[in-house]
Amino acid sequence: MSSLYSRDFIVTLIIMLIPLCLALNTDSYGQRIMTLSGIYAIAAMGYHLIFGRLGALSLAQGCFFGLGAYSAGLIGVHFGLSFLTCLLFAVIFTALVSLIIALPVLRLESHYFALATLGIAQVALLIAINWTEVTGGANGTYGIPQLDLFGVELSSSSDVLIFVWVILVIIVSLTFWIMRAPFNYQVTLLKDTPEVAASSGIDIGRWRLTFFIMSAIFGAIAGALQAYTIGVVSPATLEFQVMVSILAMTVIGGKNHPAGAVIGAILLTHLPEWFRFLETHYLIAYGAALLCTIIVAPSGIFGLFEKFIIRNPGYDVKSLPSKENKAVSDTNSTSLEIQGLSKTYGGIKALKNLNMTLTSYQIVGLVGPNGSGKSTLINIISGLQRQDEGTIELDGSFIENTASYKRSNRGIARTYQTSLRSSDLNVYQAILACSSNQHNLKHRHNQTHAILRNSRLISKTESMVGDLSTADARELDLCMALATEPKILLLDEPAAGLSSAEQQFLSTKIRHLAQSGISILIVDHSMDFLLPVVDRLICLDQGSVVAEGVPAKVLADPKALKLYFGNARS
């Protein structure tokens, strides 16, 4: 995987080096345009992280761009400090502002998040216009000194160009380092299926906060460079069109790759110049060119290039050591104790004072009619929902108030009724994304291969997750859960959509997992699959246990027969 990382990084550097070398051989005006391209590419790198990687449409990137310009420019004008000192102040100030903003807005989802960040950007614009004593009001602040490096002014356009692009290279390198495997796969999993990511031990809040602050820092750096390059800072740096331009650069260039930000920035800063000969009609040609680009390459220009030219290397499973790392916990005995669990939705009791015990080496089946509380129980155990009352104790520690990703790290894994569907991950990457961050990369790769060797997916490591059949998708769900090294495994409808032969294969695998020491809880409506594999059966009705014991005992219980089994066996 390191070769893939190195190759992508080298390709990106080449994409950056070629236009830079061409610009160095042009006049000062051409170098100035390319300098602006580098500045906007830095800002677009922030959008690449928060929007391209996480899928969160933040409309505050223009705000952070303006904050960086104002904070660095005003400090430079009023205190006469060096550029690097002003840049450091701008980065710290903008990062603190973004942290304050992040605490409430990152709790929002989808369009609510976008609207909240847009409102923040508008507030910043109003402050810049009306706080005349500090910002200069609508006229802005002039007289910002030239860029300098350790006391030496960068007076020539070529020096400024090189300085800006060196900073861009550093930021691109930092982005590649952050998004190295397997963290890039974890972020993709987080973007496509956040519930699966949380129950796989991935700290969603940490990733969102990190990327939001980093996008703000990149925007602040770009804004500071813009202010010192043109020598003035005004409310125009905070206007809506700046944010739209940065967003357009990210999308048109390719939001899923750092090179896309560079390509988009170069293209959109030069398009107005290329169409300038059309005089008053150049904006029409500019808009038409952008529209054609989006239609022809919806994944961006670099996405088109990557699809037809760059090929990802395959995974040679046979070349790895034959010794398999264990994919499950070595703990000899595990116990999950549930006491007095209750959950209410409005006036409906989903769970009522429920008690349950799960222990190692045992397979427990959970059955009941629709609405009996089965999925609610699994969601509460895995931490996706919180109970109203009751306790959950894992190996002597209470975890009922513990976050989902922390429960995963403690050994609780689960599958979902709906299988993972991602257009950006293949089978190998999806499993690797779920492996524990507590291990080094070599161990995680070996563990992923060990899991694949014991599955039917051994020949489909490069298959995209979204292209898998129902049976293979169910198999992948189980492999991803095993990658977290579970002590407790919760299976929600694992046999749904499987043929009899596929159900038999799954039953055999579940028995082997239980024999290795995992405690397994299964929710499934197929009695032909469930009854032969479980050691103990629990029947729920309206959130309460009505029958519990070995399958034969529960099958003979009149309440269970009346509620569920009578219909299933008729």
Protein backbone atom coordinates (compact mmCIF):
# COMPACT_ATOMS: atom_id res chain seq x y z
CA MET A 1 0.00 0.00 0.00
CA SER A 2 2.94 2.34 0.54
CA SER A 3 3.73 2.09 -3.19
CA LEU A 4 0.24 3.32 -4.01
CA TYR A 5 0.68 6.24 -1.61
CA SER A 6 4.08 7.13 -3.12
CA ARG A 7 2.78 6.87 -6.68
CA ASP A 8 -0.18 9.17 -6.05
CA PHE A 9 2.05 11.66 -4.29
CA ILE A 10 4.56 11.67 -7.15
CA VAL A 11 1.77 12.12 -9.72
CA THR A 12 0.46 15.08 -7.73
CA LEU A 13 3.91 16.68 -7.52
CA ILE A 14 4.35 16.30 -11.29
CA ILE A 15 0.96 17.93 -11.86
CA MET A 16 2.12 20.84 -9.70
CA LEU A 17 5.65 21.07 -11.12
CA ILE A 18 4.73 21.33 -14.80
CA PRO A 19 2.59 24.51 -14.62
CA LEU A 20 4.99 26.04 -12.09
CA CYS A 21 7.95 25.63 -14.44
CA LEU A 22 5.91 27.06 -17.32
CA ALA A 23 4.91 30.06 -15.21
CA LEU A 24 8.50 30.80 -14.22
CA ASN A 25 9.26 31.34 -17.91
CA THR A 26 6.43 33.83 -18.47
CA ASP A 27 6.15 37.54 -17.73
CA SER A 28 5.34 39.00 -14.31
CA TYR A 29 1.61 39.12 -15.07
CA GLY A 30 1.51 35.41 -15.88
CA GLN A 31 3.47 34.67 -12.70
CA ARG A 32 1.01 36.76 -10.70
CA ILE A 33 -1.92 34.73 -12.06
CA MET A 34 -0.14 31.50 -11.20
CA THR A 35 0.56 32.86 -7.71
CA LEU A 36 -3.16 33.40 -7.26
CA SER A 37 -3.71 29.83 -8.49
CA GLY A 38 -1.43 28.55 -5.76
CA ILE A 39 -3.21 30.64 -3.12
CA TYR A 40 -6.63 29.37 -4.14
CA ALA A 41 -5.30 25.82 -4.36
CA ILE A 42 -4.34 26.06 -0.68
CA ALA A 43 -7.87 27.19 0.20
CA ALA A 44 -9.34 24.43 -1.99
CA MET A 45 -7.24 21.86 -0.12
CA GLY A 46 -9.36 22.70 2.91
CA TYR A 47 -12.51 21.99 0.93
CA HIS A 48 -10.94 18.74 -0.26
CA LEU A 49 -10.77 17.59 3.36
CA ILE A 50 -14.11 18.74 4.76
CA PHE A 51 -16.25 18.33 1.62
CA GLY A 52 -14.39 15.89 -0.61
CA ARG A 53 -13.33 13.47 2.11
CA LEU A 54 -16.07 13.84 4.73
CA GLY A 55 -18.90 14.91 2.44
CA ALA A 56 -19.81 17.82 4.73
CA LEU A 57 -20.73 20.93 2.74
CA SER A 58 -19.18 23.70 4.77
CA LEU A 59 -20.02 27.16 3.45
CA ALA A 60 -17.61 28.83 5.86
CA GLN A 61 -14.41 28.27 3.86
CA GLY A 62 -14.66 31.76 2.38
CA CYS A 63 -15.13 33.06 5.93
CA PHE A 64 -11.90 31.40 7.07
CA PHE A 65 -10.16 32.76 3.98
CA GLY A 66 -11.26 36.27 4.95
CA LEU A 67 -10.38 35.81 8.63
CA GLY A 68 -6.87 34.80 7.65
CA ALA A 69 -6.55 37.82 5.37
CA TYR A 70 -7.86 40.27 7.94
CA SER A 71 -5.97 38.92 10.97
CA ALA A 72 -2.62 38.69 9.18
CA GLY A 73 -3.06 41.97 7.30
CA LEU A 74 -4.16 44.05 10.28
CA ILE A 75 -1.34 42.74 12.47
CA GLY A 76 1.16 43.52 9.72
CA VAL A 77 -0.14 47.06 9.23
CA HIS A 78 -0.53 48.09 12.87
CA PHE A 79 2.43 46.28 14.45
CA GLY A 80 4.89 45.93 11.57
CA LEU A 81 5.65 42.29 12.36
CA SER A 82 7.21 39.86 9.88
CA PHE A 83 4.96 37.87 7.55
CA LEU A 84 5.67 34.52 9.22
CA THR A 85 4.70 36.00 12.60
CA CYS A 86 1.50 37.44 11.13
CA LEU A 87 0.79 34.14 9.39
CA LEU A 88 1.21 32.25 12.65
CA PHE A 89 -1.16 34.64 14.39
CA ALA A 90 -3.73 34.25 11.58
CA VAL A 91 -3.53 30.45 11.78
CA ILE A 92 -3.95 30.38 15.57
CA PHE A 93 -6.74 32.97 15.57
CA THR A 94 -8.69 31.24 12.78
CA ALA A 95 -8.19 27.82 14.35
CA LEU A 96 -9.61 29.07 17.65
CA VAL A 97 -12.58 30.65 15.88
CA SER A 98 -13.21 27.43 13.93
CA LEU A 99 -13.03 25.43 17.16
CA ILE A 100 -15.67 27.65 18.75
CA ILE A 101 -17.82 27.32 15.63
CA ALA A 102 -17.30 23.56 15.39
CA LEU A 103 -18.65 22.74 18.85
CA PRO A 104 -22.28 23.50 17.92
CA VAL A 105 -22.36 23.16 14.10
CA LEU A 106 -20.64 19.78 13.81
CA ARG A 107 -23.60 18.27 15.65
CA LEU A 108 -25.80 19.22 12.70
CA GLU A 109 -26.32 17.04 9.65
CA SER A 110 -26.72 17.62 5.92
CA HIS A 111 -28.28 20.93 4.85
CA TYR A 112 -28.58 22.17 8.44
CA PHE A 113 -24.79 22.10 8.69
CA ALA A 114 -24.47 23.97 5.39
CA LEU A 115 -26.98 26.64 6.43
CA ALA A 116 -25.31 27.12 9.81
CA THR A 117 -21.88 27.63 8.25
CA LEU A 118 -23.38 30.00 5.68
CA GLY A 119 -24.89 32.07 8.49
CA ILE A 120 -21.51 32.27 10.22
CA ALA A 121 -19.91 33.51 7.00
CA GLN A 122 -22.53 36.24 6.67
CA VAL A 123 -21.98 37.36 10.26
CA ALA A 124 -18.24 37.66 9.60
CA LEU A 125 -18.95 39.77 6.49
CA LEU A 126 -21.22 42.12 8.43
CA ILE A 127 -18.60 42.56 11.15
CA ALA A 128 -15.94 43.40 8.56
CA ILE A 129 -18.17 46.03 6.96
CA ASN A 130 -19.46 47.66 10.14
CA TRP A 131 -16.48 47.49 12.52
CA THR A 132 -14.87 50.45 10.79
CA GLU A 133 -12.41 51.34 13.58
CA VAL A 134 -10.63 47.99 13.22
CA THR A 135 -11.29 46.67 9.73
CA GLY A 136 -11.57 49.91 7.78
CA GLY A 137 -15.18 49.19 6.91
CA ALA A 138 -16.30 48.82 3.30
CA ASN A 139 -13.07 50.42 2.04
CA GLY A 140 -10.87 47.86 3.75
CA THR A 141 -7.30 48.31 4.94
CA TYR A 142 -4.44 49.32 2.62
CA GLY A 143 -0.70 49.44 3.03
CA ILE A 144 -0.11 45.80 3.91
CA PRO A 145 3.66 45.22 3.59
CA GLN A 146 5.24 42.96 1.03
CA LEU A 147 5.91 39.31 1.68
CA ASP A 148 9.17 38.75 3.51
CA LEU A 149 11.09 35.71 4.60
CA PHE A 150 13.31 36.09 7.66
CA GLY A 151 13.59 39.83 7.09
CA VAL A 152 14.25 39.62 3.34
CA GLU A 153 11.50 41.09 1.16
CA LEU A 154 10.30 38.99 -1.77
CA SER A 155 10.17 41.81 -4.27
CA SER A 156 10.11 39.92 -7.58
CA SER A 157 7.02 38.11 -8.87
CA SER A 158 9.03 34.91 -9.37
CA ASP A 159 10.14 34.91 -5.72
CA VAL A 160 6.55 35.32 -4.54
CA LEU A 161 5.40 32.58 -6.91
CA ILE A 162 7.98 30.11 -5.64
CA PHE A 163 7.24 30.99 -2.00
CA VAL A 164 3.49 30.42 -2.40
CA TRP A 165 3.94 27.14 -4.25
CA VAL A 166 6.44 25.85 -1.68
CA ILE A 167 3.77 26.39 0.97
CA LEU A 168 1.29 24.60 -1.31
CA VAL A 169 3.66 21.62 -1.64
CA ILE A 170 3.99 21.46 2.15
CA ILE A 171 0.21 21.48 2.59
CA VAL A 172 -0.30 18.84 -0.09
CA SER A 173 2.37 16.68 1.57
CA LEU A 174 0.67 17.10 4.94
CA THR A 175 -2.67 16.12 3.42
CA PHE A 176 -1.17 12.98 1.89
CA TRP A 177 0.35 12.05 5.23
CA ILE A 178 -2.94 12.49 7.06
CA MET A 179 -4.85 10.52 4.43
CA ARG A 180 -2.43 7.60 4.23
CA ALA A 181 -3.83 4.08 4.37
CA PRO A 182 -5.78 2.86 6.24
CA PHE A 183 -6.99 6.22 7.55
CA ASN A 184 -8.19 7.28 4.09
CA TYR A 185 -10.40 4.17 4.00
CA GLN A 186 -11.76 4.95 7.46
CA VAL A 187 -12.72 8.46 6.34
CA THR A 188 -14.43 7.04 3.24
CA LEU A 189 -16.34 4.59 5.42
CA LEU A 190 -17.30 7.47 7.70
CA LYS A 191 -18.59 9.51 4.74
CA ASP A 192 -20.61 6.69 3.16
CA THR A 193 -21.94 4.89 6.24
CA PRO A 194 -21.31 6.79 9.50
CA GLU A 195 -23.22 4.21 11.58
CA VAL A 196 -20.96 1.41 10.36
CA ALA A 197 -17.90 3.59 10.98
CA ALA A 198 -18.96 4.34 14.57
CA SER A 199 -19.61 0.69 15.38
CA SER A 200 -16.23 -0.22 13.83
CA GLY A 201 -14.24 1.81 16.35
CA ILE A 202 -13.86 4.97 14.24
CA ASP A 203 -14.20 8.20 16.23
CA ILE A 204 -16.49 10.22 13.98
CA GLY A 205 -16.36 13.35 16.15
CA ARG A 206 -12.57 13.45 16.15
CA TRP A 207 -12.30 13.15 12.37
CA ARG A 208 -14.94 15.82 11.77
CA LEU A 209 -13.39 18.23 14.24
CA THR A 210 -9.88 17.65 12.87
CA PHE A 211 -10.87 18.20 9.26
CA PHE A 212 -13.02 21.23 10.04
CA ILE A 213 -10.17 22.94 11.88
CA MET A 214 -7.62 21.94 9.24
CA SER A 215 -9.85 23.31 6.48
CA ALA A 216 -10.03 26.56 8.45
CA ILE A 217 -6.24 26.67 8.84
CA PHE A 218 -5.70 26.08 5.11
CA GLY A 219 -8.21 28.83 4.35
CA ALA A 220 -6.45 31.20 6.77
CA ILE A 221 -3.05 30.52 5.17
CA ALA A 222 -4.49 31.23 1.73
CA GLY A 223 -6.15 34.42 2.96
CA ALA A 224 -2.97 35.70 4.59
CA LEU A 225 -1.01 35.07 1.39
CA GLN A 226 -3.70 36.83 -0.61
CA ALA A 227 -3.59 39.92 1.62
CA TYR A 228 0.20 40.19 1.47
CA THR A 229 0.30 39.51 -2.27
CA ILE A 230 -2.14 42.25 -3.30
CA GLY A 231 -1.35 44.61 -0.39
CA VAL A 232 -4.95 45.20 0.68
CA VAL A 233 -7.68 43.44 2.61
CA SER A 234 -11.36 44.28 2.20
CA PRO A 235 -14.80 42.75 2.78
CA ALA A 236 -14.54 41.28 -0.73
CA THR A 237 -12.43 38.47 0.77
CA LEU A 238 -15.43 37.44 2.88
CA GLU A 239 -18.07 37.63 0.19
CA PHE A 240 -20.13 34.66 -0.94
CA GLN A 241 -18.50 34.53 -4.36
CA VAL A 242 -15.11 33.68 -2.81
CA MET A 243 -16.59 30.60 -1.16
CA VAL A 244 -18.34 29.61 -4.41
CA SER A 245 -15.10 29.97 -6.35
CA ILE A 246 -13.18 27.78 -3.92
CA LEU A 247 -15.96 25.18 -3.93
CA ALA A 248 -16.08 25.19 -7.74
CA MET A 249 -12.31 24.68 -7.92
CA THR A 250 -12.58 21.67 -5.62
CA VAL A 251 -15.48 20.04 -7.47
CA ILE A 252 -14.26 20.70 -11.02
CA GLY A 253 -10.70 19.63 -10.30
CA GLY A 254 -11.80 16.51 -8.40
CA LYS A 255 -12.91 16.68 -4.79
CA ASN A 256 -11.66 13.20 -3.89
CA HIS A 257 -7.96 13.82 -4.52
CA PRO A 258 -5.52 16.57 -3.48
CA ALA A 259 -4.42 17.00 -7.09
CA GLY A 260 -7.98 17.99 -7.92
CA ALA A 261 -7.71 21.12 -5.79
CA VAL A 262 -4.57 22.16 -7.66
CA ILE A 263 -6.03 21.45 -11.10
CA GLY A 264 -9.27 23.26 -10.30
CA ALA A 265 -7.48 26.31 -8.92
CA ILE A 266 -5.21 26.60 -11.96
CA LEU A 267 -8.12 26.17 -14.37
CA LEU A 268 -10.53 28.61 -12.75
CA THR A 269 -7.99 31.38 -12.23
CA HIS A 270 -6.85 31.16 -15.86
CA LEU A 271 -10.21 30.68 -17.60
CA PRO A 272 -11.19 34.39 -17.29
CA GLU A 273 -7.84 35.32 -18.80
CA TRP A 274 -8.20 32.85 -21.68
CA PHE A 275 -11.68 34.17 -22.51
CA ARG A 276 -10.81 37.84 -22.02
CA PHE A 277 -10.67 38.37 -25.79
CA LEU A 278 -14.44 37.90 -25.90
CA GLU A 279 -14.75 41.17 -23.97
CA THR A 280 -18.28 41.52 -22.52
CA HIS A 281 -19.22 37.96 -23.49
CA TYR A 282 -16.38 36.20 -21.68
CA LEU A 283 -18.54 35.37 -18.64
CA ILE A 284 -20.91 33.38 -20.88
CA ALA A 285 -18.03 31.36 -22.29
CA TYR A 286 -16.61 30.98 -18.78
CA GLY A 287 -19.89 29.58 -17.45
CA ALA A 288 -20.35 27.29 -20.45
CA ALA A 289 -16.86 25.86 -20.01
CA LEU A 290 -17.52 25.13 -16.34
CA LEU A 291 -20.86 23.50 -17.14
CA CYS A 292 -19.32 21.28 -19.83
CA THR A 293 -16.58 20.21 -17.42
CA ILE A 294 -19.11 19.16 -14.78
CA ILE A 295 -21.19 17.23 -17.32
CA VAL A 296 -18.27 15.44 -18.96
CA ALA A 297 -16.38 14.74 -15.71
CA PRO A 298 -18.79 14.62 -12.73
CA SER A 299 -15.99 13.22 -10.56
CA GLY A 300 -13.73 16.07 -11.59
CA ILE A 301 -10.91 16.39 -14.09
CA PHE A 302 -8.51 14.36 -11.98
CA GLY A 303 -11.23 11.77 -11.37
CA LEU A 304 -11.51 11.31 -15.15
CA PHE A 305 -7.73 11.04 -15.41
CA GLU A 306 -7.60 8.55 -12.55
CA LYS A 307 -10.36 6.38 -14.03
CA PHE A 308 -8.83 5.87 -17.46
CA ILE A 309 -5.10 6.22 -16.88
CA ILE A 310 -4.17 5.37 -13.27
CA ARG A 311 -4.68 1.78 -12.25
CA ASN A 312 -4.69 0.66 -8.64
CA PRO A 313 -2.41 -2.27 -7.83
CA GLY A 314 -4.00 -5.57 -6.89
CA TYR A 315 -3.63 -7.38 -3.60
CA ASP A 316 -1.55 -10.54 -3.82
CA VAL A 317 -2.98 -12.58 -0.97
CA LYS A 318 -0.71 -15.56 -1.62
CA SER A 319 2.44 -13.48 -1.28
CA LEU A 320 1.78 -12.70 2.38
CA PRO A 321 2.89 -14.96 5.24
CA SER A 322 0.78 -18.07 5.59
CA LYS A 323 0.61 -17.67 9.35
CA GLU A 324 -2.70 -16.08 10.23
CA ASN A 325 -3.15 -13.46 12.86
CA LYS A 326 -6.17 -14.09 15.00
CA ALA A 327 -9.08 -11.88 14.05
CA VAL A 328 -10.87 -12.29 17.35
CA SER A 329 -10.14 -11.67 20.99
CA ASP A 330 -8.07 -14.15 23.00
CA THR A 331 -10.04 -13.38 26.15
CA ASN A 332 -10.95 -16.66 27.85
CA SER A 333 -14.21 -15.45 29.31
CA THR A 334 -16.43 -12.51 28.41
CA SER A 335 -19.68 -11.49 30.03
CA LEU A 336 -22.23 -8.87 29.02
CA GLU A 337 -24.86 -8.19 31.70
CA ILE A 338 -27.99 -6.17 30.86
CA GLN A 339 -30.19 -5.12 33.77
CA GLY A 340 -33.51 -3.24 33.71
CA LEU A 341 -33.12 -1.91 30.17
CA SER A 342 -35.99 0.35 29.05
CA LYS A 343 -36.48 2.54 25.99
CA THR A 344 -39.46 4.69 25.02
CA TYR A 345 -40.24 6.36 21.70
CA GLY A 346 -42.89 8.96 22.37
CA GLY A 347 -45.59 6.98 24.16
CA ILE A 348 -44.44 3.59 22.82
CA LYS A 349 -42.37 1.29 25.03
CA ALA A 350 -39.78 -0.36 22.80
CA LEU A 351 -38.07 -2.12 25.74
CA LYS A 352 -39.48 -2.73 29.22
CA ASN A 353 -37.19 -3.62 32.11
CA LEU A 354 -35.28 -6.14 30.00
CA ASN A 355 -32.61 -8.40 31.54
CA MET A 356 -30.15 -10.45 29.51
CA THR A 357 -26.77 -12.13 29.81
CA LEU A 358 -24.30 -12.97 27.02
CA THR A 359 -21.26 -15.13 27.70
CA SER A 360 -18.33 -16.47 25.71
CA TYR A 361 -18.63 -19.58 23.52
CA GLN A 362 -22.41 -19.18 23.37
CA ILE A 363 -24.79 -18.36 20.50
CA VAL A 364 -28.04 -16.66 21.52
CA GLY A 365 -30.99 -16.18 19.19
CA LEU A 366 -33.33 -13.22 19.60
CA VAL A 367 -36.77 -13.55 18.03
CA GLY A 368 -40.14 -11.86 18.18
CA PRO A 369 -42.72 -10.17 15.98
CA ASN A 370 -42.00 -6.89 14.22
CA GLY A 371 -41.87 -4.05 16.72
CA SER A 372 -40.93 -6.28 19.63
CA GLY A 373 -37.69 -4.37 20.32
CA LYS A 374 -35.06 -6.62 18.74
CA SER A 375 -33.29 -3.96 16.63
CA THR A 376 -33.65 -1.40 19.41
CA LEU A 377 -31.83 -3.77 21.78
CA ILE A 378 -28.95 -4.27 19.34
CA ASN A 379 -28.71 -0.53 18.70
CA ILE A 380 -28.52 0.16 22.44
CA ILE A 381 -25.92 -2.54 23.09
CA SER A 382 -23.74 -1.23 20.25
CA GLY A 383 -24.16 2.39 21.42
CA LEU A 384 -26.03 3.84 18.44
CA GLN A 385 -28.98 4.59 20.71
CA ARG A 386 -29.19 5.33 24.43
CA GLN A 387 -31.50 3.63 26.90
CA ASP A 388 -33.83 5.56 29.17
CA GLU A 389 -33.16 3.27 32.11
CA GLY A 390 -30.99 0.28 32.93
CA THR A 391 -27.33 -0.71 32.92
CA ILE A 392 -25.01 -2.55 30.53
CA GLU A 393 -21.96 -4.18 32.11
CA LEU A 394 -19.11 -5.62 30.05
CA ASP A 395 -16.54 -7.66 31.96
CA GLY A 396 -17.26 -5.78 35.18
CA SER A 397 -17.35 -2.25 33.67
CA PHE A 398 -20.51 -0.27 33.05
CA ILE A 399 -20.65 0.94 29.42
CA GLU A 400 -24.22 2.22 29.06
CA ASN A 401 -22.96 5.82 28.68
CA THR A 402 -19.97 4.94 26.51
CA ALA A 403 -19.78 6.11 22.88
CA SER A 404 -20.28 3.58 20.11
CA TYR A 405 -16.68 3.67 18.86
CA LYS A 406 -15.39 3.10 22.39
CA ARG A 407 -17.66 0.09 22.78
CA SER A 408 -16.21 -1.28 19.56
CA ASN A 409 -12.72 -0.85 20.97
CA ARG A 410 -13.91 -2.72 24.08
CA GLY A 411 -14.95 -5.68 21.93
CA ILE A 412 -18.57 -5.13 20.80
CA ALA A 413 -19.13 -5.52 17.04
CA ARG A 414 -22.25 -5.74 14.94
CA THR A 415 -23.69 -6.13 11.46
CA TYR A 416 -26.69 -4.32 9.98
CA GLN A 417 -29.90 -5.33 8.25
CA THR A 418 -28.83 -3.29 5.23
CA SER A 419 -25.38 -4.16 3.92
CA LEU A 420 -22.70 -1.54 3.31
CA ARG A 421 -22.88 0.11 -0.08
CA SER A 422 -19.93 2.29 -1.03
CA SER A 423 -18.83 3.41 -4.47
CA ASP A 424 -15.31 4.30 -3.30
CA LEU A 425 -14.11 1.21 -1.40
CA ASN A 426 -13.25 -2.28 -2.54
CA VAL A 427 -13.56 -5.39 -0.37
CA TYR A 428 -10.00 -5.28 0.95
CA GLN A 429 -10.14 -1.59 1.80
CA ALA A 430 -13.48 -1.92 3.60
CA ILE A 431 -12.14 -4.65 5.89
CA LEU A 432 -8.84 -2.85 6.48
CA ALA A 433 -10.76 0.31 7.44
CA CYS A 434 -12.41 -1.56 10.32
CA SER A 435 -9.19 -3.00 11.75
CA SER A 436 -8.15 -1.63 15.11
CA ASN A 437 -6.03 1.54 15.27
CA GLN A 438 -4.28 0.00 18.27
CA HIS A 439 -2.19 -2.17 15.92
CA ASN A 440 0.50 -1.15 13.46
CA LEU A 441 -0.11 -1.16 9.72
CA LYS A 442 1.65 -4.49 9.08
CA HIS A 443 -0.47 -6.26 11.68
CA ARG A 444 -3.63 -4.74 10.22
CA HIS A 445 -2.77 -5.90 6.71
CA ASN A 446 -1.95 -9.41 7.94
CA GLN A 447 -5.18 -9.51 9.91
CA THR A 448 -7.18 -8.42 6.88
CA HIS A 449 -5.66 -11.17 4.77
CA ALA A 450 -6.29 -13.72 7.52
CA ILE A 451 -9.96 -12.79 7.57
CA LEU A 452 -10.20 -12.97 3.79
CA ARG A 453 -8.59 -16.42 3.69
CA ASN A 454 -11.38 -17.73 5.88
CA SER A 455 -14.13 -16.20 3.76
CA ARG A 456 -15.65 -16.62 0.34
CA LEU A 457 -14.29 -13.20 -0.65
CA ILE A 458 -10.71 -14.41 -1.10
CA SER A 459 -10.97 -14.00 -4.88
CA LYS A 460 -12.84 -10.67 -4.72
CA THR A 461 -10.48 -8.43 -2.83
CA GLU A 462 -10.48 -5.84 -5.62
CA SER A 463 -14.25 -5.94 -6.22
CA MET A 464 -16.00 -2.71 -5.36
CA VAL A 465 -18.35 -3.05 -2.40
CA GLY A 466 -21.29 -1.67 -4.34
CA ASP A 467 -20.93 -4.39 -7.00
CA LEU A 468 -21.19 -7.38 -4.63
CA SER A 469 -24.08 -9.83 -4.66
CA THR A 470 -26.35 -10.08 -1.62
CA ALA A 471 -24.51 -13.13 -0.30
CA ASP A 472 -21.09 -11.54 -0.77
CA ALA A 473 -22.29 -8.29 0.82
CA ARG A 474 -23.46 -10.23 3.89
CA GLU A 475 -20.11 -12.00 4.00
CA LEU A 476 -18.32 -8.64 3.84
CA ASP A 477 -20.44 -7.30 6.72
CA LEU A 478 -19.27 -10.19 8.88
CA CYS A 479 -15.63 -9.79 7.80
CA MET A 480 -15.71 -6.09 8.68
CA ALA A 481 -17.14 -6.89 12.11
CA LEU A 482 -14.43 -9.51 12.70
CA ALA A 483 -11.73 -6.98 11.82
CA THR A 484 -12.57 -5.12 15.04
CA GLU A 485 -11.52 -8.20 17.08
CA PRO A 486 -14.87 -8.65 18.83
CA LYS A 487 -15.69 -10.35 22.10
CA ILE A 488 -19.43 -9.78 21.58
CA LEU A 489 -20.81 -10.12 18.05
CA LEU A 490 -24.31 -8.82 17.26
CA LEU A 491 -25.77 -10.09 13.97
CA ASP A 492 -28.87 -8.30 12.70
CA GLU A 493 -30.67 -10.39 10.02
CA PRO A 494 -27.45 -12.04 8.75
CA ALA A 495 -29.32 -14.66 6.68
CA ALA A 496 -31.71 -12.26 4.94
CA GLY A 497 -31.66 -12.84 1.18
CA LEU A 498 -29.42 -15.92 1.36
CA SER A 499 -30.12 -19.28 -0.25
CA SER A 500 -30.25 -22.51 1.78
CA ALA A 501 -26.66 -23.39 0.84
CA GLU A 502 -25.47 -19.89 1.73
CA GLN A 503 -27.28 -20.06 5.06
CA GLN A 504 -25.59 -23.38 5.79
CA PHE A 505 -22.16 -21.87 5.07
CA LEU A 506 -22.98 -18.96 7.39
CA SER A 507 -24.14 -21.33 10.16
CA THR A 508 -20.87 -23.25 10.01
CA LYS A 509 -18.86 -20.05 10.20
CA ILE A 510 -20.88 -18.78 13.17
CA ARG A 511 -20.27 -22.02 15.07
CA HIS A 512 -16.52 -21.74 14.46
CA LEU A 513 -16.54 -18.17 15.74
CA ALA A 514 -18.37 -19.20 18.89
CA GLN A 515 -15.87 -22.02 19.45
CA SER A 516 -13.07 -19.42 19.33
CA GLY A 517 -14.61 -17.67 22.35
CA ILE A 518 -16.88 -15.00 20.85
CA SER A 519 -20.32 -14.45 22.34
CA ILE A 520 -22.84 -14.14 19.50
CA LEU A 521 -26.34 -12.64 19.52
CA ILE A 522 -28.40 -13.27 16.36
CA VAL A 523 -31.61 -11.60 15.26
CA ASP A 524 -33.21 -13.37 12.31
CA HIS A 525 -36.65 -14.31 11.06
CA SER A 526 -35.55 -17.51 9.33
CA MET A 527 -36.22 -20.31 11.80
CA ASP A 528 -34.64 -22.88 9.48
CA PHE A 529 -31.39 -20.97 9.83
CA LEU A 530 -31.68 -19.82 13.43
CA LEU A 531 -32.89 -22.83 15.42
CA PRO A 532 -30.12 -25.30 14.49
CA VAL A 533 -27.29 -22.85 15.22
CA VAL A 534 -28.26 -21.23 18.55
CA ASP A 535 -27.59 -22.58 22.04
CA ARG A 536 -30.18 -20.38 23.69
CA LEU A 537 -33.29 -18.63 22.40
CA ILE A 538 -34.98 -15.47 23.71
CA CYS A 539 -38.45 -14.45 22.56
CA LEU A 540 -39.49 -10.79 22.90
CA ASP A 541 -42.89 -9.20 22.72
CA GLN A 542 -43.49 -5.46 23.13
CA GLY A 543 -40.04 -5.02 24.64
CA SER A 544 -40.30 -7.77 27.26
CA VAL A 545 -38.94 -11.32 27.43
CA VAL A 546 -41.84 -13.82 27.22
CA ALA A 547 -39.75 -17.00 26.86
CA GLU A 548 -36.09 -17.93 27.26
CA GLY A 549 -34.05 -21.13 27.23
CA VAL A 550 -32.86 -23.85 24.87
CA PRO A 551 -34.72 -23.80 21.52
CA ALA A 552 -36.84 -26.86 22.37
CA LYS A 553 -38.03 -25.27 25.59
CA VAL A 554 -38.96 -21.96 23.94
CA LEU A 555 -40.70 -23.77 21.08
CA ALA A 556 -42.90 -25.50 23.63
CA ASP A 557 -43.83 -22.28 25.44
CA PRO A 558 -47.49 -21.36 24.74
CA LYS A 559 -46.79 -17.59 24.75
CA ALA A 560 -43.95 -17.91 22.25
CA LEU A 561 -46.03 -20.17 20.03
CA LYS A 562 -48.92 -17.77 20.06
CA LEU A 563 -46.81 -14.68 19.41
CA TYR A 564 -44.43 -15.94 16.80
CA PHE A 565 -43.70 -19.59 16.29
CA GLY A 566 -47.25 -20.62 15.56
CA ASN A 567 -47.29 -18.40 12.49
CA ALA A 568 -43.78 -19.44 11.48
CA ARG A 569 -44.55 -23.15 11.65
CA SER A 570 -48.00 -23.10 10.08
